[in-house]
Amino acid sequence: MRATAVALALTTTLTLSACVADTSPSASSNANGCPTSQPATLNTDASNDIAFETTLGTFVVRLAVKNSPIAVSNLTALASCNFYDNVIFHRIAYMEDGTPFVIQGGDPTGTGSGGPGYFIKDEPVIGTYRRGVIAMARSSQPDSQGSQFFIVLDDAAAVPLESARTYAILGEVISGMDVVDAIAALERNGEDRPIDPPKIISTTVTPSAP
């Protein structure tokens, strides 16, 4: 196992870990059709939407492969094979001054230390961190992104995120931001974990409308 800690802000630490044997692109998959190593990259001209149906409602994110080909292809592959079904949002983070920061999910163990069993390669970060942006969670170590992702809750979060500028930007929420805000408003404990964690019921991938 390789365990690492992710710092999304100077005062906020999120942990990730996953068993990894290979980080090279591969079309290999398990019995459920989910990738077992970094998936092949999609056509960079493609644009997909992913609808996340949660226990609090549905939000939709629009992804642009050309911005983060490796990370977007990975998220799309995991969403397409139902990897995220029944996975909770395990972290609701606020900044020291009380400004909403991010919600984080994508860990199948629900502990904040799980992943898909592999990591993907890093790539240049393209885009701007702002409210509604979805990005990959990671550690300070190279090539440490797996399945966990976060959604930015406030434009002010750009300051700590830009100070690192290592989190691959996948796209942004195009509908259902009220659902994201409802998740962010849930009661949480001192470790930023929701008392009653909301769950992803299903994900649906469709081509973006022209």
C-alpha atoms as a PDB file:
ATOM      1  CA  MET A   1       0.000   0.000   0.000  1.00  0.00           C
ATOM      2  CA  ARG A   2       1.137   3.550  -0.635  1.00  0.00           C
ATOM      3  CA  ALA A   3      -0.408   6.058   1.770  1.00  0.00           C
ATOM      4  CA  THR A   4      -0.206   9.801   1.267  1.00  0.00           C
ATOM      5  CA  ALA A   5      -1.778  13.009   2.554  1.00  0.00           C
ATOM      6  CA  VAL A   6      -3.437  15.639   0.384  1.00  0.00           C
ATOM      7  CA  ALA A   7      -3.305  19.294   1.393  1.00  0.00           C
ATOM      8  CA  LEU A   8      -6.052  21.229  -0.379  1.00  0.00           C
ATOM      9  CA  ALA A   9      -5.383  24.233   1.819  1.00  0.00           C
ATOM     10  CA  LEU A  10      -2.837  25.215   4.424  1.00  0.00           C
ATOM     11  CA  THR A  11      -5.220  24.129   7.170  1.00  0.00           C
ATOM     12  CA  THR A  12      -7.046  21.283   5.439  1.00  0.00           C
ATOM     13  CA  THR A  13      -5.511  17.845   4.992  1.00  0.00           C
ATOM     14  CA  LEU A  14      -7.205  15.025   3.103  1.00  0.00           C
ATOM     15  CA  THR A  15      -5.763  11.509   2.995  1.00  0.00           C
ATOM     16  CA  LEU A  16      -5.548   9.101   0.086  1.00  0.00           C
ATOM     17  CA  SER A  17      -4.108   5.638  -0.331  1.00  0.00           C
ATOM     18  CA  ALA A  18      -4.295   2.871  -2.867  1.00  0.00           C
ATOM     19  CA  CYS A  19      -2.548  -0.327  -3.831  1.00  0.00           C
ATOM     20  CA  VAL A  20      -0.664   0.299  -7.051  1.00  0.00           C
ATOM     21  CA  ALA A  21       1.423  -1.918  -9.283  1.00  0.00           C
ATOM     22  CA  ASP A  22       1.427   0.075 -12.520  1.00  0.00           C
ATOM     23  CA  THR A  23       0.622   3.601 -13.697  1.00  0.00           C
ATOM     24  CA  SER A  24       0.980   3.069 -17.444  1.00  0.00           C
ATOM     25  CA  PRO A  25      -2.057   3.447 -19.743  1.00  0.00           C
ATOM     26  CA  SER A  26      -3.977   0.224 -20.196  1.00  0.00           C
ATOM     27  CA  ALA A  27      -7.331  -1.051 -21.396  1.00  0.00           C
ATOM     28  CA  SER A  28      -7.385  -3.782 -18.723  1.00  0.00           C
ATOM     29  CA  SER A  29     -10.526  -4.047 -16.616  1.00  0.00           C
ATOM     30  CA  ASN A  30     -12.022  -6.174 -13.873  1.00  0.00           C
ATOM     31  CA  ALA A  31     -15.168  -8.312 -13.893  1.00  0.00           C
ATOM     32  CA  ASN A  32     -17.317  -5.200 -13.435  1.00  0.00           C
ATOM     33  CA  GLY A  33     -15.747  -3.498 -16.437  1.00  0.00           C
ATOM     34  CA  CYS A  34     -13.872  -0.982 -14.303  1.00  0.00           C
ATOM     35  CA  PRO A  35     -10.253  -0.163 -15.152  1.00  0.00           C
ATOM     36  CA  THR A  36      -7.487  -1.813 -13.148  1.00  0.00           C
ATOM     37  CA  SER A  37      -4.838   0.645 -14.336  1.00  0.00           C
ATOM     38  CA  GLN A  38      -4.766   4.019 -16.063  1.00  0.00           C
ATOM     39  CA  PRO A  39      -7.396   3.916 -18.842  1.00  0.00           C
ATOM     40  CA  ALA A  40      -6.640   4.775 -22.440  1.00  0.00           C
ATOM     41  CA  THR A  41      -7.099   8.462 -23.218  1.00  0.00           C
ATOM     42  CA  LEU A  42     -10.307   9.557 -24.936  1.00  0.00           C
ATOM     43  CA  ASN A  43     -10.425  11.666 -28.082  1.00  0.00           C
ATOM     44  CA  THR A  44      -9.275  15.113 -26.992  1.00  0.00           C
ATOM     45  CA  ASP A  45     -12.058  16.771 -29.003  1.00  0.00           C
ATOM     46  CA  ALA A  46     -14.694  14.957 -26.966  1.00  0.00           C
ATOM     47  CA  SER A  47     -16.819  16.552 -24.285  1.00  0.00           C
ATOM     48  CA  ASN A  48     -18.928  14.508 -21.890  1.00  0.00           C
ATOM     49  CA  ASP A  49     -21.402  15.271 -19.136  1.00  0.00           C
ATOM     50  CA  ILE A  50     -21.693  13.149 -16.012  1.00  0.00           C
ATOM     51  CA  ALA A  51     -24.895  13.239 -13.978  1.00  0.00           C
ATOM     52  CA  PHE A  52     -24.292  12.357 -10.331  1.00  0.00           C
ATOM     53  CA  GLU A  53     -27.527  11.187  -8.742  1.00  0.00           C
ATOM     54  CA  THR A  54     -27.133  11.522  -4.980  1.00  0.00           C
ATOM     55  CA  THR A  55     -29.344  11.036  -1.951  1.00  0.00           C
ATOM     56  CA  LEU A  56     -29.842  14.832  -1.905  1.00  0.00           C
ATOM     57  CA  GLY A  57     -30.559  15.272  -5.599  1.00  0.00           C
ATOM     58  CA  THR A  58     -28.720  15.306  -8.934  1.00  0.00           C
ATOM     59  CA  PHE A  59     -25.951  17.542 -10.188  1.00  0.00           C
ATOM     60  CA  VAL A  60     -24.331  17.452 -13.619  1.00  0.00           C
ATOM     61  CA  VAL A  61     -20.710  18.191 -14.486  1.00  0.00           C
ATOM     62  CA  ARG A  62     -19.381  19.001 -17.941  1.00  0.00           C
ATOM     63  CA  LEU A  63     -15.941  17.596 -18.714  1.00  0.00           C
ATOM     64  CA  ALA A  64     -13.495  18.729 -21.391  1.00  0.00           C
ATOM     65  CA  VAL A  65     -11.023  16.004 -22.340  1.00  0.00           C
ATOM     66  CA  LYS A  66      -8.650  18.497 -23.994  1.00  0.00           C
ATOM     67  CA  ASN A  67      -7.949  20.223 -20.666  1.00  0.00           C
ATOM     68  CA  SER A  68      -6.963  17.128 -18.663  1.00  0.00           C
ATOM     69  CA  PRO A  69      -7.006  14.143 -21.058  1.00  0.00           C
ATOM     70  CA  ILE A  70      -5.678  11.569 -18.605  1.00  0.00           C
ATOM     71  CA  ALA A  71      -7.713  12.617 -15.568  1.00  0.00           C
ATOM     72  CA  VAL A  72     -10.955  13.183 -17.489  1.00  0.00           C
ATOM     73  CA  SER A  73     -10.624   9.832 -19.267  1.00  0.00           C
ATOM     74  CA  ASN A  74     -10.079   8.177 -15.898  1.00  0.00           C
ATOM     75  CA  LEU A  75     -13.108   9.802 -14.235  1.00  0.00           C
ATOM     76  CA  THR A  76     -15.245   8.988 -17.285  1.00  0.00           C
ATOM     77  CA  ALA A  77     -14.171   5.336 -17.252  1.00  0.00           C
ATOM     78  CA  LEU A  78     -14.913   4.986 -13.543  1.00  0.00           C
ATOM     79  CA  ALA A  79     -18.301   6.690 -13.847  1.00  0.00           C
ATOM     80  CA  SER A  80     -19.182   4.545 -16.873  1.00  0.00           C
ATOM     81  CA  CYS A  81     -18.591   1.277 -14.997  1.00  0.00           C
ATOM     82  CA  ASN A  82     -20.634   2.364 -11.952  1.00  0.00           C
ATOM     83  CA  PHE A  83     -17.529   2.565  -9.743  1.00  0.00           C
ATOM     84  CA  TYR A  84     -19.029   5.492  -7.822  1.00  0.00           C
ATOM     85  CA  ASP A  85     -22.385   3.843  -7.081  1.00  0.00           C
ATOM     86  CA  ASN A  86     -23.086   3.882  -3.307  1.00  0.00           C
ATOM     87  CA  VAL A  87     -19.892   5.869  -2.621  1.00  0.00           C
ATOM     88  CA  ILE A  88     -20.294   8.651  -0.054  1.00  0.00           C
ATOM     89  CA  PHE A  89     -19.052  12.231   0.116  1.00  0.00           C
ATOM     90  CA  HIS A  90     -16.724  11.746   3.046  1.00  0.00           C
ATOM     91  CA  ARG A  91     -15.376  15.275   3.468  1.00  0.00           C
ATOM     92  CA  ILE A  92     -16.954  18.733   3.717  1.00  0.00           C
ATOM     93  CA  ALA A  93     -14.199  21.285   4.194  1.00  0.00           C
ATOM     94  CA  TYR A  94     -14.409  24.948   5.170  1.00  0.00           C
ATOM     95  CA  MET A  95     -11.625  27.519   5.338  1.00  0.00           C
ATOM     96  CA  GLU A  96     -10.471  28.989   8.652  1.00  0.00           C
ATOM     97  CA  ASP A  97     -12.649  32.078   8.207  1.00  0.00           C
ATOM     98  CA  GLY A  98     -15.747  29.932   7.662  1.00  0.00           C
ATOM     99  CA  THR A  99     -15.817  30.219   3.871  1.00  0.00           C
ATOM    100  CA  PRO A 100     -17.017  26.991   2.200  1.00  0.00           C
ATOM    101  CA  PHE A 101     -14.040  25.263   0.581  1.00  0.00           C
ATOM    102  CA  VAL A 102     -14.793  21.883  -1.058  1.00  0.00           C
ATOM    103  CA  ILE A 103     -16.825  18.708  -0.833  1.00  0.00           C
ATOM    104  CA  GLN A 104     -14.856  15.550  -1.546  1.00  0.00           C
ATOM    105  CA  GLY A 105     -15.918  12.058  -2.608  1.00  0.00           C
ATOM    106  CA  GLY A 106     -14.907   9.171  -4.816  1.00  0.00           C
ATOM    107  CA  ASP A 107     -13.369   6.898  -2.195  1.00  0.00           C
ATOM    108  CA  PRO A 108     -15.044   3.452  -2.330  1.00  0.00           C
ATOM    109  CA  THR A 109     -14.018   2.748   1.261  1.00  0.00           C
ATOM    110  CA  GLY A 110     -15.625   5.958   2.520  1.00  0.00           C
ATOM    111  CA  THR A 111     -12.642   6.602   4.765  1.00  0.00           C
ATOM    112  CA  GLY A 112     -10.740   9.152   2.688  1.00  0.00           C
ATOM    113  CA  SER A 113      -7.893   6.686   2.187  1.00  0.00           C
ATOM    114  CA  GLY A 114      -9.149   4.532  -0.669  1.00  0.00           C
ATOM    115  CA  GLY A 115      -9.050   4.488  -4.431  1.00  0.00           C
ATOM    116  CA  PRO A 116      -9.439   2.335  -7.535  1.00  0.00           C
ATOM    117  CA  GLY A 117      -6.280   0.293  -6.935  1.00  0.00           C
ATOM    118  CA  TYR A 118      -4.047   2.321  -9.246  1.00  0.00           C
ATOM    119  CA  PHE A 119      -2.821   5.881  -9.812  1.00  0.00           C
ATOM    120  CA  ILE A 120      -2.758   7.969 -12.982  1.00  0.00           C
ATOM    121  CA  LYS A 121       0.017  10.062 -14.463  1.00  0.00           C
ATOM    122  CA  ASP A 122       0.219  13.790 -13.796  1.00  0.00           C
ATOM    123  CA  GLU A 123      -0.417  16.299 -16.575  1.00  0.00           C
ATOM    124  CA  PRO A 124      -0.297  20.114 -16.826  1.00  0.00           C
ATOM    125  CA  VAL A 125      -3.108  21.842 -14.957  1.00  0.00           C
ATOM    126  CA  ILE A 126      -5.246  23.888 -17.342  1.00  0.00           C
ATOM    127  CA  GLY A 127      -8.049  26.173 -16.192  1.00  0.00           C
ATOM    128  CA  THR A 128      -8.978  28.249 -13.166  1.00  0.00           C
ATOM    129  CA  TYR A 129     -10.131  27.065  -9.750  1.00  0.00           C
ATOM    130  CA  ARG A 130     -13.485  28.689  -8.980  1.00  0.00           C
ATOM    131  CA  ARG A 131     -16.898  27.874  -7.573  1.00  0.00           C
ATOM    132  CA  GLY A 132     -18.377  24.816  -9.282  1.00  0.00           C
ATOM    133  CA  VAL A 133     -15.110  23.427 -10.646  1.00  0.00           C
ATOM    134  CA  ILE A 134     -14.542  19.687 -10.234  1.00  0.00           C
ATOM    135  CA  ALA A 135     -10.941  18.546  -9.817  1.00  0.00           C
ATOM    136  CA  MET A 136      -8.983  15.467  -8.806  1.00  0.00           C
ATOM    137  CA  ALA A 137      -7.831  15.063  -5.213  1.00  0.00           C
ATOM    138  CA  ARG A 138      -4.206  14.039  -4.811  1.00  0.00           C
ATOM    139  CA  SER A 139      -1.210  14.091  -2.502  1.00  0.00           C
ATOM    140  CA  SER A 140       1.988  16.084  -2.781  1.00  0.00           C
ATOM    141  CA  GLN A 141       3.643  13.047  -4.371  1.00  0.00           C
ATOM    142  CA  PRO A 142       3.904  12.756  -8.171  1.00  0.00           C
ATOM    143  CA  ASP A 143       1.317  10.611  -9.978  1.00  0.00           C
ATOM    144  CA  SER A 144      -0.947  10.234  -6.922  1.00  0.00           C
ATOM    145  CA  GLN A 145      -4.429  10.765  -8.392  1.00  0.00           C
ATOM    146  CA  GLY A 146      -6.838   7.839  -8.296  1.00  0.00           C
ATOM    147  CA  SER A 147     -10.629   8.079  -7.995  1.00  0.00           C
ATOM    148  CA  GLN A 148     -11.198  10.812  -5.416  1.00  0.00           C
ATOM    149  CA  PHE A 149     -12.420  14.198  -6.592  1.00  0.00           C
ATOM    150  CA  PHE A 150     -13.610  17.454  -5.089  1.00  0.00           C
ATOM    151  CA  ILE A 151     -15.949  20.282  -6.071  1.00  0.00           C
ATOM    152  CA  VAL A 152     -15.018  23.865  -5.249  1.00  0.00           C
ATOM    153  CA  LEU A 153     -17.649  25.687  -3.188  1.00  0.00           C
ATOM    154  CA  ASP A 154     -16.461  29.299  -3.332  1.00  0.00           C
ATOM    155  CA  ASP A 155     -14.278  31.460  -5.567  1.00  0.00           C
ATOM    156  CA  ALA A 156     -12.164  32.287  -2.504  1.00  0.00           C
ATOM    157  CA  ALA A 157     -10.906  28.691  -2.517  1.00  0.00           C
ATOM    158  CA  ALA A 158      -8.817  29.621  -5.550  1.00  0.00           C
ATOM    159  CA  VAL A 159      -6.124  31.187  -3.361  1.00  0.00           C
ATOM    160  CA  PRO A 160      -4.976  28.016  -1.520  1.00  0.00           C
ATOM    161  CA  LEU A 161      -5.658  25.807  -4.563  1.00  0.00           C
ATOM    162  CA  GLU A 162      -3.637  28.040  -6.868  1.00  0.00           C
ATOM    163  CA  SER A 163      -0.777  28.075  -4.367  1.00  0.00           C
ATOM    164  CA  ALA A 164      -0.318  24.383  -5.135  1.00  0.00           C
ATOM    165  CA  ARG A 165      -1.815  24.258  -8.648  1.00  0.00           C
ATOM    166  CA  THR A 166      -1.409  20.495  -8.872  1.00  0.00           C
ATOM    167  CA  TYR A 167      -5.057  19.376  -8.864  1.00  0.00           C
ATOM    168  CA  ALA A 168      -6.183  18.406 -12.371  1.00  0.00           C
ATOM    169  CA  ILE A 169      -9.229  20.455 -13.377  1.00  0.00           C
ATOM    170  CA  LEU A 170     -11.807  18.162 -14.962  1.00  0.00           C
ATOM    171  CA  GLY A 171     -14.632  20.563 -15.720  1.00  0.00           C
ATOM    172  CA  GLU A 172     -17.445  22.266 -13.839  1.00  0.00           C
ATOM    173  CA  VAL A 173     -20.956  21.834 -12.522  1.00  0.00           C
ATOM    174  CA  ILE A 174     -23.468  22.986 -15.138  1.00  0.00           C
ATOM    175  CA  SER A 175     -26.643  22.184 -13.210  1.00  0.00           C
ATOM    176  CA  GLY A 176     -27.558  21.192  -9.681  1.00  0.00           C
ATOM    177  CA  MET A 177     -25.115  23.434  -7.842  1.00  0.00           C
ATOM    178  CA  ASP A 178     -27.874  23.781  -5.244  1.00  0.00           C
ATOM    179  CA  VAL A 179     -27.448  20.060  -4.570  1.00  0.00           C
ATOM    180  CA  VAL A 180     -23.705  20.566  -4.079  1.00  0.00           C
ATOM    181  CA  ASP A 181     -24.467  23.415  -1.665  1.00  0.00           C
ATOM    182  CA  ALA A 182     -26.950  21.207   0.198  1.00  0.00           C
ATOM    183  CA  ILE A 183     -24.216  18.617   0.684  1.00  0.00           C
ATOM    184  CA  ALA A 184     -21.843  21.339   1.874  1.00  0.00           C
ATOM    185  CA  ALA A 185     -24.420  22.541   4.419  1.00  0.00           C
ATOM    186  CA  LEU A 186     -24.704  19.176   6.191  1.00  0.00           C
ATOM    187  CA  GLU A 187     -23.620  18.845   9.792  1.00  0.00           C
ATOM    188  CA  ARG A 188     -20.045  17.612  10.121  1.00  0.00           C
ATOM    189  CA  ASN A 189     -17.692  16.604  12.900  1.00  0.00           C
ATOM    190  CA  GLY A 190     -14.366  18.140  13.876  1.00  0.00           C
ATOM    191  CA  GLU A 191     -12.603  16.168  11.165  1.00  0.00           C
ATOM    192  CA  ASP A 192     -14.791  17.584   8.369  1.00  0.00           C
ATOM    193  CA  ARG A 193     -16.689  14.319   8.020  1.00  0.00           C
ATOM    194  CA  PRO A 194     -20.478  14.626   7.590  1.00  0.00           C
ATOM    195  CA  ILE A 195     -22.462  13.125  10.455  1.00  0.00           C
ATOM    196  CA  ASP A 196     -24.858  11.519   7.962  1.00  0.00           C
ATOM    197  CA  PRO A 197     -22.785  11.228   4.754  1.00  0.00           C
ATOM    198  CA  PRO A 198     -24.691  11.718   1.496  1.00  0.00           C
ATOM    199  CA  LYS A 199     -24.264   8.979  -1.070  1.00  0.00           C
ATOM    200  CA  ILE A 200     -23.855   8.811  -4.838  1.00  0.00           C
ATOM    201  CA  ILE A 201     -26.670   6.571  -6.061  1.00  0.00           C
ATOM    202  CA  SER A 202     -25.552   6.390  -9.688  1.00  0.00           C
ATOM    203  CA  THR A 203     -23.604   8.161 -12.435  1.00  0.00           C
ATOM    204  CA  THR A 204     -24.657   8.576 -16.038  1.00  0.00           C
ATOM    205  CA  VAL A 205     -22.223   9.605 -18.787  1.00  0.00           C
ATOM    206  CA  THR A 206     -23.573  11.294 -21.918  1.00  0.00           C
ATOM    207  CA  PRO A 207     -22.015  13.336 -24.740  1.00  0.00           C
ATOM    208  CA  SER A 208     -22.274  17.069 -24.096  1.00  0.00           C
ATOM    209  CA  ALA A 209     -24.925  18.936 -26.055  1.00  0.00           C
ATOM    210  CA  PRO A 210     -23.503  20.931 -28.999  1.00  0.00           C
END
